[in-house]
């Protein structure tokens, strides 16, 4: 996994966490769901890159 991809995936997960937290604090269920979705997308991207790394070896 390249460093840039790793940073992007981590940033997406972090942004999702912030959205989820703000959504909970403001009682905004849509924002909570969007935050959870962003976190999931970041985790999937990390997993895909990890699998790519395995096959590069």
N, C-alpha and C. Protein backbone atom coordinates (compact mmCIF):
# COMPACT_ATOMS: atom_id res chain seq x y z
N UNK A 1 0.86 -1.17 0.00
CA UNK A 1 0.00 0.00 0.00
C UNK A 1 0.90 1.23 0.00
N UNK A 2 0.65 2.09 -0.94
CA UNK A 2 1.49 3.29 -0.98
C UNK A 2 1.14 4.20 0.20
N UNK A 3 2.07 5.04 0.54
CA UNK A 3 1.86 5.94 1.68
C UNK A 3 0.68 6.87 1.42
N UNK A 4 0.55 7.34 0.18
CA UNK A 4 -0.55 8.24 -0.17
C UNK A 4 -1.90 7.58 -0.01
N UNK A 5 -2.00 6.33 -0.46
CA UNK A 5 -3.27 5.60 -0.32
C UNK A 5 -3.60 5.35 1.14
N UNK A 6 -2.55 5.05 1.90
CA UNK A 6 -2.75 4.78 3.32
C UNK A 6 -3.27 6.04 4.03
N UNK A 7 -2.70 7.18 3.69
CA UNK A 7 -3.12 8.44 4.29
C UNK A 7 -4.55 8.79 3.89
N UNK A 8 -4.88 8.60 2.62
CA UNK A 8 -6.23 8.90 2.14
C UNK A 8 -7.27 8.03 2.85
N UNK A 9 -6.99 6.74 2.99
CA UNK A 9 -7.93 5.84 3.65
C UNK A 9 -8.10 6.22 5.12
N UNK A 10 -7.00 6.53 5.78
CA UNK A 10 -7.06 6.92 7.19
C UNK A 10 -7.82 8.24 7.35
N UNK A 11 -7.61 9.16 6.42
CA UNK A 11 -8.31 10.45 6.48
C UNK A 11 -9.81 10.26 6.28
N UNK A 12 -10.17 9.37 5.39
CA UNK A 12 -11.59 9.11 5.15
C UNK A 12 -12.24 8.49 6.40
N UNK A 13 -11.53 7.57 7.02
CA UNK A 13 -12.04 6.97 8.25
C UNK A 13 -12.17 8.02 9.36
N UNK A 14 -11.18 8.88 9.48
CA UNK A 14 -11.20 9.93 10.51
C UNK A 14 -12.34 10.91 10.26
N UNK A 15 -12.51 11.31 9.02
CA UNK A 15 -13.60 12.23 8.68
C UNK A 15 -14.95 11.59 8.97
N UNK A 16 -15.05 10.31 8.70
CA UNK A 16 -16.29 9.59 9.00
C UNK A 16 -16.57 9.56 10.48
N UNK A 17 -15.52 9.37 11.26
CA UNK A 17 -15.68 9.35 12.72
C UNK A 17 -16.16 10.71 13.23
N UNK A 18 -15.59 11.77 12.67
CA UNK A 18 -16.00 13.12 13.06
C UNK A 18 -17.47 13.35 12.70
N UNK A 19 -17.85 12.96 11.49
CA UNK A 19 -19.24 13.13 11.07
C UNK A 19 -20.19 12.36 12.00
N UNK A 20 -19.80 11.14 12.33
CA UNK A 20 -20.64 10.33 13.21
C UNK A 20 -20.78 10.98 14.58
N UNK A 21 -19.68 11.48 15.13
CA UNK A 21 -19.70 12.13 16.44
C UNK A 21 -20.55 13.39 16.43
N UNK A 22 -20.37 14.21 15.39
CA UNK A 22 -21.17 15.43 15.29
C UNK A 22 -22.65 15.08 15.11
N UNK A 23 -22.92 14.07 14.33
CA UNK A 23 -24.30 13.62 14.14
C UNK A 23 -24.95 13.17 15.43
N UNK A 24 -24.20 12.45 16.24
CA UNK A 24 -24.73 12.02 17.54
C UNK A 24 -24.96 13.21 18.45
N UNK A 25 -24.03 14.16 18.42
CA UNK A 25 -24.14 15.32 19.30
C UNK A 25 -25.31 16.22 18.92
N UNK A 26 -25.62 16.26 17.63
CA UNK A 26 -26.70 17.13 17.15
C UNK A 26 -27.98 16.36 16.89
N UNK A 27 -27.98 15.08 17.22
CA UNK A 27 -29.15 14.22 17.02
C UNK A 27 -29.56 14.18 15.55
N UNK A 28 -28.56 14.08 14.67
CA UNK A 28 -28.77 14.04 13.23
C UNK A 28 -28.46 12.62 12.74
N UNK A 29 -29.49 11.80 12.59
CA UNK A 29 -29.29 10.41 12.20
C UNK A 29 -28.68 10.26 10.81
N UNK A 30 -29.01 11.19 9.90
CA UNK A 30 -28.43 11.12 8.56
C UNK A 30 -26.92 11.33 8.59
N UNK A 31 -26.46 12.25 9.40
CA UNK A 31 -25.03 12.51 9.52
C UNK A 31 -24.31 11.34 10.19
N UNK A 32 -24.96 10.73 11.15
CA UNK A 32 -24.39 9.54 11.80
C UNK A 32 -24.21 8.44 10.76
N UNK A 33 -25.24 8.21 9.95
CA UNK A 33 -25.17 7.16 8.93
C UNK A 33 -24.10 7.47 7.89
N UNK A 34 -24.01 8.74 7.49
CA UNK A 34 -22.99 9.14 6.51
C UNK A 34 -21.59 8.93 7.09
N UNK A 35 -21.41 9.24 8.35
CA UNK A 35 -20.12 9.03 9.00
C UNK A 35 -19.74 7.57 9.06
N UNK A 36 -20.70 6.73 9.39
CA UNK A 36 -20.42 5.29 9.44
C UNK A 36 -20.09 4.76 8.05
N UNK A 37 -20.78 5.27 7.04
CA UNK A 37 -20.51 4.84 5.67
C UNK A 37 -19.10 5.26 5.24
N UNK A 38 -18.70 6.46 5.59
CA UNK A 38 -17.36 6.93 5.25
C UNK A 38 -16.29 6.08 5.93
N UNK A 39 -16.54 5.72 7.17
CA UNK A 39 -15.59 4.88 7.89
C UNK A 39 -15.48 3.51 7.23
N UNK A 40 -16.60 2.97 6.80
CA UNK A 40 -16.60 1.67 6.14
C UNK A 40 -15.86 1.74 4.81
N UNK A 41 -16.07 2.81 4.04
CA UNK A 41 -15.36 2.97 2.77
C UNK A 41 -13.86 3.05 3.00
N UNK A 42 -13.44 3.76 4.01
CA UNK A 42 -12.02 3.86 4.31
C UNK A 42 -11.43 2.51 4.69
N UNK A 43 -12.17 1.74 5.45
CA UNK A 43 -11.70 0.41 5.86
C UNK A 43 -11.61 -0.52 4.66
N UNK A 44 -12.57 -0.44 3.75
CA UNK A 44 -12.55 -1.28 2.55
C UNK A 44 -11.35 -0.91 1.68
N UNK A 45 -11.09 0.37 1.53
CA UNK A 45 -9.94 0.80 0.73
C UNK A 45 -8.64 0.27 1.32
N UNK A 46 -8.52 0.31 2.63
CA UNK A 46 -7.32 -0.22 3.28
C UNK A 46 -7.18 -1.72 3.00
N UNK A 47 -8.28 -2.45 3.09
CA UNK A 47 -8.25 -3.89 2.86
C UNK A 47 -7.87 -4.21 1.42
N UNK A 48 -8.43 -3.48 0.47
CA UNK A 48 -8.10 -3.70 -0.94
C UNK A 48 -6.62 -3.47 -1.18
N UNK A 49 -6.08 -2.40 -0.62
CA UNK A 49 -4.66 -2.12 -0.81
C UNK A 49 -3.80 -3.19 -0.14
N UNK A 50 -4.22 -3.70 1.01
CA UNK A 50 -3.47 -4.76 1.67
C UNK A 50 -3.45 -6.02 0.81
N UNK A 51 -4.57 -6.35 0.17
CA UNK A 51 -4.63 -7.52 -0.70
C UNK A 51 -3.73 -7.32 -1.91
N UNK A 52 -3.73 -6.11 -2.47
CA UNK A 52 -2.82 -5.82 -3.59
C UNK A 52 -1.37 -6.05 -3.18
N UNK A 53 -1.03 -5.60 -1.98
CA UNK A 53 0.34 -5.75 -1.49
C UNK A 53 0.73 -7.23 -1.37
N UNK A 54 -0.20 -8.06 -0.96
CA UNK A 54 0.08 -9.49 -0.80
C UNK A 54 0.44 -10.10 -2.15
N UNK A 55 -0.30 -9.70 -3.20
CA UNK A 55 -0.05 -10.28 -4.50
C UNK A 55 1.16 -9.68 -5.22
N UNK A 56 1.64 -8.54 -4.75
CA UNK A 56 2.83 -7.94 -5.35
C UNK A 56 4.10 -8.67 -4.91
N UNK A 57 4.03 -9.36 -3.78
CA UNK A 57 5.22 -10.04 -3.24
C UNK A 57 5.53 -11.32 -3.94
